[in-house]
Amino acid sequence: MTSARTIDPTERLLGVSAAALFLVALLTGLYAGGAMTGKLHVDAHAALASHLNALMGTFLLVSYGWTLPMLRYGDVGRRRLAILFVASSFANWAVTAAKAALFVSGLAMSGAGGNDTIFVLLQTTVVLPGLVGAVAWLSGFRRP
């Protein structure tokens, strides 16, 4: 049996973060349900997207954690990539949930303050970190 003291800190970070994000996903399902039934005045499709983003983020964190032993990176590199994935996964959930409440798409700059704020947040906290993380993760499988 493995004791908590022998678990790699990065694996623990990913496990705890995945569990927390899964709980957030389930709670956001209530948010989406309220939106879809008209009980909450938020965009139902964006609320549902927020719920799904949290679920997908959970799967990303678990998948990355599972591949840690396969990567050529040292402890520092694996931890940095873990932090990037954790932060971007939670940001994807939060920004999309906020987008639902603002009734904006955030897919392009439009000159509207709320929409443009969501657009910038999505690009800087989700899209760019996601692309960088995906390239770094894939590169980690190369032999040294």
N, C-alpha and C. Protein backbone atom coordinates (compact mmCIF):
# COMPACT_ATOMS: atom_id res chain seq x y z
N MET A 1 0.84 -1.18 0.00
CA MET A 1 0.00 0.00 0.00
C MET A 1 0.89 1.24 0.00
N THR A 2 0.55 2.22 -0.82
CA THR A 2 1.32 3.44 -0.93
C THR A 2 0.86 4.43 0.13
N SER A 3 1.82 5.02 0.84
CA SER A 3 1.46 6.05 1.81
C SER A 3 1.45 7.41 1.12
N ALA A 4 0.77 8.36 1.72
CA ALA A 4 0.67 9.70 1.15
C ALA A 4 2.04 10.36 1.03
N ARG A 5 2.99 9.96 1.86
CA ARG A 5 4.32 10.57 1.82
C ARG A 5 5.13 10.14 0.61
N THR A 6 4.78 9.05 -0.04
CA THR A 6 5.57 8.57 -1.17
C THR A 6 4.96 8.98 -2.51
N ILE A 7 3.83 9.67 -2.49
CA ILE A 7 3.20 10.10 -3.73
C ILE A 7 3.90 11.36 -4.25
N ASP A 8 4.22 11.35 -5.52
CA ASP A 8 4.84 12.50 -6.16
C ASP A 8 3.94 13.73 -5.98
N PRO A 9 4.51 14.87 -5.57
CA PRO A 9 3.70 16.07 -5.35
C PRO A 9 2.93 16.54 -6.60
N THR A 10 3.51 16.35 -7.77
CA THR A 10 2.81 16.75 -9.00
C THR A 10 1.63 15.83 -9.26
N GLU A 11 1.81 14.53 -9.00
CA GLU A 11 0.69 13.60 -9.16
C GLU A 11 -0.43 13.95 -8.19
N ARG A 12 -0.06 14.32 -6.96
CA ARG A 12 -1.06 14.70 -5.96
C ARG A 12 -1.79 15.97 -6.39
N LEU A 13 -1.05 16.96 -6.88
CA LEU A 13 -1.66 18.20 -7.37
C LEU A 13 -2.68 17.90 -8.45
N LEU A 14 -2.30 17.06 -9.39
CA LEU A 14 -3.21 16.72 -10.49
C LEU A 14 -4.42 15.95 -9.99
N GLY A 15 -4.22 15.01 -9.07
CA GLY A 15 -5.33 14.24 -8.54
C GLY A 15 -6.32 15.10 -7.77
N VAL A 16 -5.81 15.93 -6.89
CA VAL A 16 -6.68 16.81 -6.10
C VAL A 16 -7.39 17.80 -7.02
N SER A 17 -6.68 18.36 -7.97
CA SER A 17 -7.27 19.32 -8.90
C SER A 17 -8.35 18.66 -9.75
N ALA A 18 -8.10 17.44 -10.21
CA ALA A 18 -9.09 16.72 -11.00
C ALA A 18 -10.35 16.45 -10.18
N ALA A 19 -10.17 16.04 -8.93
CA ALA A 19 -11.31 15.77 -8.06
C ALA A 19 -12.12 17.04 -7.80
N ALA A 20 -11.41 18.14 -7.55
CA ALA A 20 -12.09 19.42 -7.31
C ALA A 20 -12.83 19.89 -8.56
N LEU A 21 -12.18 19.76 -9.72
CA LEU A 21 -12.82 20.19 -10.96
C LEU A 21 -14.02 19.31 -11.30
N PHE A 22 -13.94 18.03 -10.95
CA PHE A 22 -15.08 17.14 -11.17
C PHE A 22 -16.27 17.57 -10.31
N LEU A 23 -16.00 17.94 -9.06
CA LEU A 23 -17.07 18.45 -8.20
C LEU A 23 -17.66 19.73 -8.78
N VAL A 24 -16.79 20.61 -9.24
CA VAL A 24 -17.24 21.86 -9.89
C VAL A 24 -18.10 21.53 -11.11
N ALA A 25 -17.69 20.53 -11.88
CA ALA A 25 -18.46 20.13 -13.06
C ALA A 25 -19.87 19.67 -12.67
N LEU A 26 -19.94 18.87 -11.62
CA LEU A 26 -21.26 18.39 -11.19
C LEU A 26 -22.13 19.54 -10.70
N LEU A 27 -21.55 20.44 -9.93
CA LEU A 27 -22.31 21.60 -9.46
C LEU A 27 -22.72 22.52 -10.61
N THR A 28 -21.85 22.63 -11.60
CA THR A 28 -22.17 23.45 -12.77
C THR A 28 -23.27 22.79 -13.60
N GLY A 29 -23.42 21.48 -13.47
CA GLY A 29 -24.55 20.81 -14.11
C GLY A 29 -25.87 21.33 -13.56
N LEU A 30 -25.89 21.66 -12.27
CA LEU A 30 -27.08 22.27 -11.68
C LEU A 30 -27.32 23.66 -12.27
N TYR A 31 -26.25 24.41 -12.44
CA TYR A 31 -26.29 25.74 -13.07
C TYR A 31 -26.86 25.62 -14.49
N ALA A 32 -26.37 24.65 -15.23
CA ALA A 32 -26.86 24.45 -16.61
C ALA A 32 -28.31 24.01 -16.61
N GLY A 33 -28.67 23.13 -15.68
CA GLY A 33 -30.06 22.68 -15.59
C GLY A 33 -31.00 23.83 -15.26
N GLY A 34 -30.57 24.69 -14.35
CA GLY A 34 -31.37 25.86 -14.02
C GLY A 34 -31.54 26.78 -15.21
N ALA A 35 -30.49 26.92 -15.99
CA ALA A 35 -30.55 27.75 -17.19
C ALA A 35 -31.49 27.13 -18.23
N MET A 36 -31.40 25.82 -18.39
CA MET A 36 -32.20 25.16 -19.43
C MET A 36 -33.68 25.11 -19.09
N THR A 37 -33.99 25.17 -17.80
CA THR A 37 -35.40 25.16 -17.40
C THR A 37 -35.95 26.57 -17.20
N GLY A 38 -35.11 27.57 -17.39
CA GLY A 38 -35.55 28.95 -17.25
C GLY A 38 -35.55 29.46 -15.81
N LYS A 39 -35.09 28.66 -14.88
CA LYS A 39 -35.04 29.09 -13.48
C LYS A 39 -33.89 30.06 -13.22
N LEU A 40 -32.86 30.00 -14.03
CA LEU A 40 -31.75 30.95 -13.95
C LEU A 40 -31.69 31.75 -15.24
N HIS A 41 -31.47 33.04 -15.11
CA HIS A 41 -31.41 33.90 -16.29
C HIS A 41 -29.97 33.98 -16.79
N VAL A 42 -29.53 32.89 -17.43
CA VAL A 42 -28.21 32.82 -18.06
C VAL A 42 -28.37 32.06 -19.38
N ASP A 43 -27.40 32.21 -20.25
CA ASP A 43 -27.42 31.52 -21.54
C ASP A 43 -27.28 30.01 -21.30
N ALA A 44 -28.30 29.26 -21.65
CA ALA A 44 -28.33 27.83 -21.36
C ALA A 44 -27.22 27.07 -22.09
N HIS A 45 -26.95 27.43 -23.34
CA HIS A 45 -25.92 26.72 -24.10
C HIS A 45 -24.53 26.97 -23.52
N ALA A 46 -24.26 28.21 -23.13
CA ALA A 46 -22.95 28.52 -22.54
C ALA A 46 -22.83 27.88 -21.16
N ALA A 47 -23.93 27.83 -20.40
CA ALA A 47 -23.89 27.17 -19.09
C ALA A 47 -23.59 25.68 -19.26
N LEU A 48 -24.21 25.06 -20.24
CA LEU A 48 -23.94 23.65 -20.52
C LEU A 48 -22.50 23.47 -20.99
N ALA A 49 -22.01 24.40 -21.80
CA ALA A 49 -20.61 24.34 -22.25
C ALA A 49 -19.66 24.44 -21.06
N SER A 50 -19.99 25.27 -20.08
CA SER A 50 -19.16 25.40 -18.89
C SER A 50 -19.11 24.07 -18.13
N HIS A 51 -20.25 23.43 -17.99
CA HIS A 51 -20.33 22.11 -17.35
C HIS A 51 -19.44 21.11 -18.09
N LEU A 52 -19.56 21.07 -19.40
CA LEU A 52 -18.77 20.14 -20.21
C LEU A 52 -17.28 20.49 -20.19
N ASN A 53 -16.96 21.79 -20.17
CA ASN A 53 -15.55 22.20 -20.09
C ASN A 53 -14.91 21.70 -18.80
N ALA A 54 -15.66 21.75 -17.71
CA ALA A 54 -15.13 21.25 -16.44
C ALA A 54 -14.92 19.73 -16.49
N LEU A 55 -15.85 19.02 -17.11
CA LEU A 55 -15.67 17.57 -17.26
C LEU A 55 -14.46 17.26 -18.13
N MET A 56 -14.33 17.96 -19.25
CA MET A 56 -13.20 17.72 -20.14
C MET A 56 -11.88 18.09 -19.46
N GLY A 57 -11.89 19.15 -18.66
CA GLY A 57 -10.69 19.52 -17.91
C GLY A 57 -10.30 18.43 -16.92
N THR A 58 -11.31 17.83 -16.30
CA THR A 58 -11.05 16.72 -15.37
C THR A 58 -10.33 15.59 -16.11
N PHE A 59 -10.83 15.24 -17.28
CA PHE A 59 -10.22 14.16 -18.05
C PHE A 59 -8.80 14.53 -18.49
N LEU A 60 -8.59 15.80 -18.83
CA LEU A 60 -7.26 16.25 -19.21
C LEU A 60 -6.28 16.08 -18.05
N LEU A 61 -6.67 16.51 -16.86
CA LEU A 61 -5.79 16.43 -15.70
C LEU A 61 -5.46 14.98 -15.34
N VAL A 62 -6.46 14.12 -15.40
CA VAL A 62 -6.23 12.70 -15.12
C VAL A 62 -5.32 12.09 -16.18
N SER A 63 -5.57 12.41 -17.43
CA SER A 63 -4.76 11.87 -18.53
C SER A 63 -3.31 12.33 -18.43
N TYR A 64 -3.12 13.61 -18.17
CA TYR A 64 -1.75 14.11 -18.04
C TYR A 64 -1.06 13.44 -16.86
N GLY A 65 -1.75 13.33 -15.74
CA GLY A 65 -1.17 12.67 -14.57
C GLY A 65 -0.76 11.23 -14.86
N TRP A 66 -1.58 10.54 -15.64
CA TRP A 66 -1.28 9.15 -15.97
C TRP A 66 -0.02 9.04 -16.82
N THR A 67 0.24 10.05 -17.65
CA THR A 67 1.40 9.99 -18.54
C THR A 67 2.68 10.55 -17.93
N LEU A 68 2.62 11.09 -16.73
CA LEU A 68 3.82 11.68 -16.12
C LEU A 68 5.06 10.77 -16.18
N PRO A 69 4.93 9.49 -15.84
CA PRO A 69 6.13 8.63 -15.87
C PRO A 69 6.68 8.42 -17.29
N MET A 70 5.90 8.69 -18.30
CA MET A 70 6.33 8.47 -19.68
C MET A 70 7.10 9.65 -20.27
N LEU A 71 7.05 10.79 -19.58
CA LEU A 71 7.63 12.02 -20.13
C LEU A 71 9.11 12.14 -19.77
N ARG A 72 9.86 12.76 -20.65
CA ARG A 72 11.30 12.92 -20.44
C ARG A 72 11.62 14.09 -19.52
N TYR A 73 10.64 14.88 -19.13
CA TYR A 73 10.87 16.05 -18.29
C TYR A 73 11.21 15.66 -16.86
N GLY A 74 11.96 16.52 -16.21
CA GLY A 74 12.25 16.33 -14.79
C GLY A 74 11.08 16.81 -13.94
N ASP A 75 11.28 16.79 -12.65
CA ASP A 75 10.23 17.17 -11.72
C ASP A 75 9.73 18.60 -11.96
N VAL A 76 10.64 19.51 -12.20
CA VAL A 76 10.25 20.92 -12.39
C VAL A 76 9.43 21.09 -13.67
N GLY A 77 9.86 20.49 -14.74
CA GLY A 77 9.13 20.60 -16.01
C GLY A 77 7.75 19.98 -15.93
N ARG A 78 7.65 18.81 -15.31
CA ARG A 78 6.34 18.16 -15.17
C ARG A 78 5.42 18.99 -14.31
N ARG A 79 5.95 19.58 -13.24
CA ARG A 79 5.12 20.41 -12.34
C ARG A 79 4.65 21.68 -13.05
N ARG A 80 5.53 22.33 -13.79
CA ARG A 80 5.14 23.54 -14.52
C ARG A 80 4.02 23.24 -15.51
N LEU A 81 4.14 22.14 -16.21
CA LEU A 81 3.11 21.78 -17.17
C LEU A 81 1.81 21.42 -16.45
N ALA A 82 1.92 20.78 -15.30
CA ALA A 82 0.73 20.45 -14.50
C ALA A 82 0.02 21.74 -14.07
N ILE A 83 0.77 22.71 -13.59
CA ILE A 83 0.18 23.98 -13.16
C ILE A 83 -0.49 24.68 -14.33
N LEU A 84 0.15 24.64 -15.50
CA LEU A 84 -0.45 25.24 -16.70
C LEU A 84 -1.78 24.57 -17.03
N PHE A 85 -1.82 23.24 -17.00
CA PHE A 85 -3.06 22.52 -17.31
C PHE A 85 -4.14 22.75 -16.24
N VAL A 86 -3.76 22.78 -14.98
CA VAL A 86 -4.74 23.02 -13.91
C VAL A 86 -5.33 24.41 -14.07
N ALA A 87 -4.46 25.41 -14.22
CA ALA A 87 -4.94 26.80 -14.34
C ALA A 87 -5.84 26.98 -15.56
N SER A 88 -5.45 26.44 -16.70
CA SER A 88 -6.24 26.63 -17.91
C SER A 88 -7.55 25.85 -17.86
N SER A 89 -7.55 24.71 -17.19
CA SER A 89 -8.79 23.93 -17.07
C SER A 89 -9.81 24.64 -16.20
N PHE A 90 -9.36 25.18 -15.07
CA PHE A 90 -10.28 25.94 -14.22
C PHE A 90 -10.71 27.24 -14.89
N ALA A 91 -9.80 27.88 -15.62
CA ALA A 91 -10.15 29.11 -16.34
C ALA A 91 -11.19 28.83 -17.41
N ASN A 92 -11.06 27.71 -18.11
CA ASN A 92 -12.01 27.36 -19.16
C ASN A 92 -13.41 27.23 -18.57
N TRP A 93 -13.51 26.59 -17.41
CA TRP A 93 -14.80 26.47 -16.73
C TRP A 93 -15.32 27.85 -16.30
N ALA A 94 -14.48 28.61 -15.60
CA ALA A 94 -14.92 29.88 -15.01
C ALA A 94 -15.29 30.93 -16.05
N VAL A 95 -14.47 31.07 -17.07
CA VAL A 95 -14.74 32.09 -18.09
C VAL A 95 -16.00 31.72 -18.87
N THR A 96 -16.21 30.46 -19.14
CA THR A 96 -17.41 30.04 -19.86
C THR A 96 -18.65 30.21 -18.99
N ALA A 97 -18.53 29.97 -17.70
CA ALA A 97 -19.66 30.19 -16.79
C ALA A 97 -20.00 31.68 -16.73
N ALA A 98 -18.98 32.53 -16.70
CA ALA A 98 -19.21 33.98 -16.70
C ALA A 98 -19.82 34.43 -18.02
N LYS A 99 -19.35 33.85 -19.09
CA LYS A 99 -19.87 34.16 -20.43
C LYS A 99 -21.37 33.87 -20.50
N ALA A 100 -21.80 32.80 -19.84
CA ALA A 100 -23.23 32.46 -19.81
C ALA A 100 -24.04 33.54 -19.12
N ALA A 101 -23.49 34.06 -18.03
CA ALA A 101 -24.21 35.10 -17.28
C ALA A 101 -24.24 36.43 -18.03
N LEU A 102 -23.24 36.66 -18.87
CA LEU A 102 -23.16 37.92 -19.61
C LEU A 102 -23.89 37.86 -20.96
N PHE A 103 -24.31 36.67 -21.38
CA PHE A 103 -24.97 36.49 -22.68
C PHE A 103 -24.11 37.01 -23.83
N VAL A 104 -22.82 36.64 -23.83
CA VAL A 104 -21.92 37.03 -24.91
C VAL A 104 -21.26 35.77 -25.47
N SER A 105 -20.77 35.88 -26.71
CA SER A 105 -20.10 34.71 -27.30
C SER A 105 -18.62 34.70 -26.96
N GLY A 106 -17.98 35.85 -26.97
CA GLY A 106 -16.56 35.91 -26.68
C GLY A 106 -15.68 35.26 -27.72
N LEU A 107 -16.22 35.04 -28.91
CA LEU A 107 -15.45 34.35 -29.96
C LEU A 107 -14.64 35.29 -30.83
N ALA A 108 -14.96 36.59 -30.80
CA ALA A 108 -14.24 37.58 -31.57
C ALA A 108 -14.45 38.94 -30.93
N MET A 109 -13.55 39.86 -31.20
CA MET A 109 -13.70 41.22 -30.71
C MET A 109 -14.89 41.87 -31.44
N SER A 110 -15.73 42.54 -30.67
CA SER A 110 -16.92 43.15 -31.27
C SER A 110 -17.08 44.61 -30.90
N GLY A 111 -16.27 45.11 -29.99
CA GLY A 111 -16.42 46.48 -29.53
C GLY A 111 -17.30 46.58 -28.29
N ALA A 112 -17.97 45.49 -27.93
CA ALA A 112 -18.78 45.47 -26.72
C ALA A 112 -17.88 45.03 -25.56
N GLY A 113 -17.90 45.80 -24.48
CA GLY A 113 -16.99 45.57 -23.36
C GLY A 113 -17.01 44.17 -22.79
N GLY A 114 -18.19 43.65 -22.46
CA GLY A 114 -18.28 42.31 -21.87
C GLY A 114 -17.78 41.23 -22.81
N ASN A 115 -18.21 41.31 -24.06
CA ASN A 115 -17.79 40.32 -25.06
C ASN A 115 -16.28 40.36 -25.25
N ASP A 116 -15.72 41.57 -25.38
CA ASP A 116 -14.29 41.70 -25.63
C ASP A 116 -13.47 41.22 -24.43
N THR A 117 -13.97 41.46 -23.23
CA THR A 117 -13.29 40.97 -22.03
C THR A 117 -13.25 39.45 -22.02
N ILE A 118 -14.39 38.83 -22.32
CA ILE A 118 -14.44 37.36 -22.38
C ILE A 118 -13.51 36.84 -23.47
N PHE A 119 -13.50 37.49 -24.62
CA PHE A 119 -12.62 37.09 -25.71
C PHE A 119 -11.15 37.10 -25.26
N VAL A 120 -10.73 38.19 -24.65
CA VAL A 120 -9.34 38.31 -24.21
C VAL A 120 -9.03 37.27 -23.13
N LEU A 121 -9.94 37.09 -22.19
CA LEU A 121 -9.73 36.09 -21.14
C LEU A 121 -9.62 34.68 -21.72
N LEU A 122 -10.50 34.35 -22.66
CA LEU A 122 -10.44 33.02 -23.27
C LEU A 122 -9.12 32.81 -24.01
N GLN A 123 -8.68 33.82 -24.75
CA GLN A 123 -7.44 33.68 -25.51
C GLN A 123 -6.23 33.54 -24.60
N THR A 124 -6.19 34.36 -23.53
CA THR A 124 -4.99 34.40 -22.68
C THR A 124 -4.95 33.33 -21.59
N THR A 125 -6.11 32.84 -21.15
CA THR A 125 -6.11 31.87 -20.06
C THR A 125 -6.49 30.46 -20.50
N VAL A 126 -7.03 30.32 -21.71
CA VAL A 126 -7.47 28.99 -22.16
C VAL A 126 -6.79 28.59 -23.47
N VAL A 127 -6.97 29.38 -24.51
CA VAL A 127 -6.49 28.99 -25.84
C VAL A 127 -4.96 28.94 -25.90
N LEU A 128 -4.31 30.04 -25.59
CA LEU A 128 -2.85 30.08 -25.68
C LEU A 128 -2.19 29.09 -24.72
N PRO A 129 -2.58 29.06 -23.43
CA PRO A 129 -1.98 28.05 -22.54
C PRO A 129 -2.28 26.62 -22.99
N GLY A 130 -3.46 26.40 -23.54
CA GLY A 130 -3.80 25.06 -24.02
C GLY A 130 -2.92 24.61 -25.17
N LEU A 131 -2.69 25.52 -26.11
CA LEU A 131 -1.82 25.19 -27.24
C LEU A 131 -0.38 24.96 -26.79
N VAL A 132 0.12 25.83 -25.93
CA VAL A 132 1.48 25.68 -25.42
C VAL A 132 1.59 24.36 -24.64
N GLY A 133 0.60 24.09 -23.80
CA GLY A 133 0.62 22.86 -23.02
C GLY A 133 0.56 21.62 -23.88
N ALA A 134 -0.27 21.64 -24.91
CA ALA A 134 -0.39 20.48 -25.80
C ALA A 134 0.92 20.19 -26.52
N VAL A 135 1.57 21.25 -27.02
CA VAL A 135 2.85 21.07 -27.70
C VAL A 135 3.91 20.56 -26.73
N ALA A 136 3.95 21.13 -25.53
CA ALA A 136 4.94 20.70 -24.53
C ALA A 136 4.69 19.25 -24.10
N TRP A 137 3.43 18.90 -23.91
CA TRP A 137 3.09 17.53 -23.50
C TRP A 137 3.54 16.53 -24.57
N LEU A 138 3.18 16.82 -25.81
CA LEU A 138 3.56 15.93 -26.91
C LEU A 138 5.09 15.85 -27.04
N SER A 139 5.76 16.97 -26.90
CA SER A 139 7.23 17.00 -26.99
C SER A 139 7.86 16.18 -25.88
N GLY A 140 7.19 16.08 -24.75
CA GLY A 140 7.73 15.32 -23.62
C GLY A 140 7.85 13.83 -23.89
N PHE A 141 7.14 13.35 -24.90
CA PHE A 141 7.22 11.92 -25.23
C PHE A 141 8.44 11.59 -26.09
N ARG A 142 9.08 12.62 -26.65
CA ARG A 142 10.28 12.36 -27.45
C ARG A 142 11.37 11.80 -26.58
N ARG A 143 12.17 10.97 -27.15
CA ARG A 143 13.29 10.41 -26.38
C ARG A 143 14.35 11.50 -26.20
N PRO A 144 15.00 11.50 -25.04
CA PRO A 144 16.02 12.53 -24.77
C PRO A 144 17.21 12.43 -25.70
